[in-house]
Amino acid sequence: MNKASFFATHTKNNFLLYILVIFSSLLFFYRLDYHSLTSWDEAWYGSIAREIIITNDWINLQFNGKDYLEWQLPLFYLHMGIRKWYYIWLLTFMILSIGAFGYLIYGLTLLTKKKKFDHKENVILVIRNGIVDNYQKAGLPYKLKAKNNSFSIITER
């Protein structure tokens, strides 16, 4: 199969997907900068991030005596500058990052699917790493037991 026929069949098979991606991105990015920080909570979070940059206190994130965990926006302000519409771009970047992580997990499942794994087993293997780490940190002996397409952790005492 030559290169031209490959692209022709690929475009023909995925035409609806391309239309969906183009239409979705037009809807998503259309007038993205039209509204400034109009909602009270968006202005509040922007003000918290601005105070973090001004006071250079990255540990105690407070505004009016309340604690907040807004680390992403001050980092974005630090690298890009303080502008009213950067908060919107930060949210866009975070959504795209979540999508990239999902694509990575999906790619890993496709890669291991060729090795006769099931999608359910891939999810279990990803989650298992965190569980085993917790058992190792606690110093508990454990064994992984596979039975009926499921894994269980058996602690030895």
Foldseek 3Di string as FASTA:
>chain_A
DDPVVVVVVVCVVCVVVVVVVVVVVCVVPPCLVVDFPDDPVLVVLLVQLVVCVVVVDQPQRDDPRDGDDPDQVNVQCVVPNRDRSVVSVSVVVVVVVVVVVVVVLVVVQVVCVVVVDDNVVSVCVVVVVVVVVVCVVVVWDWDWDDDPNDIDIDTDD
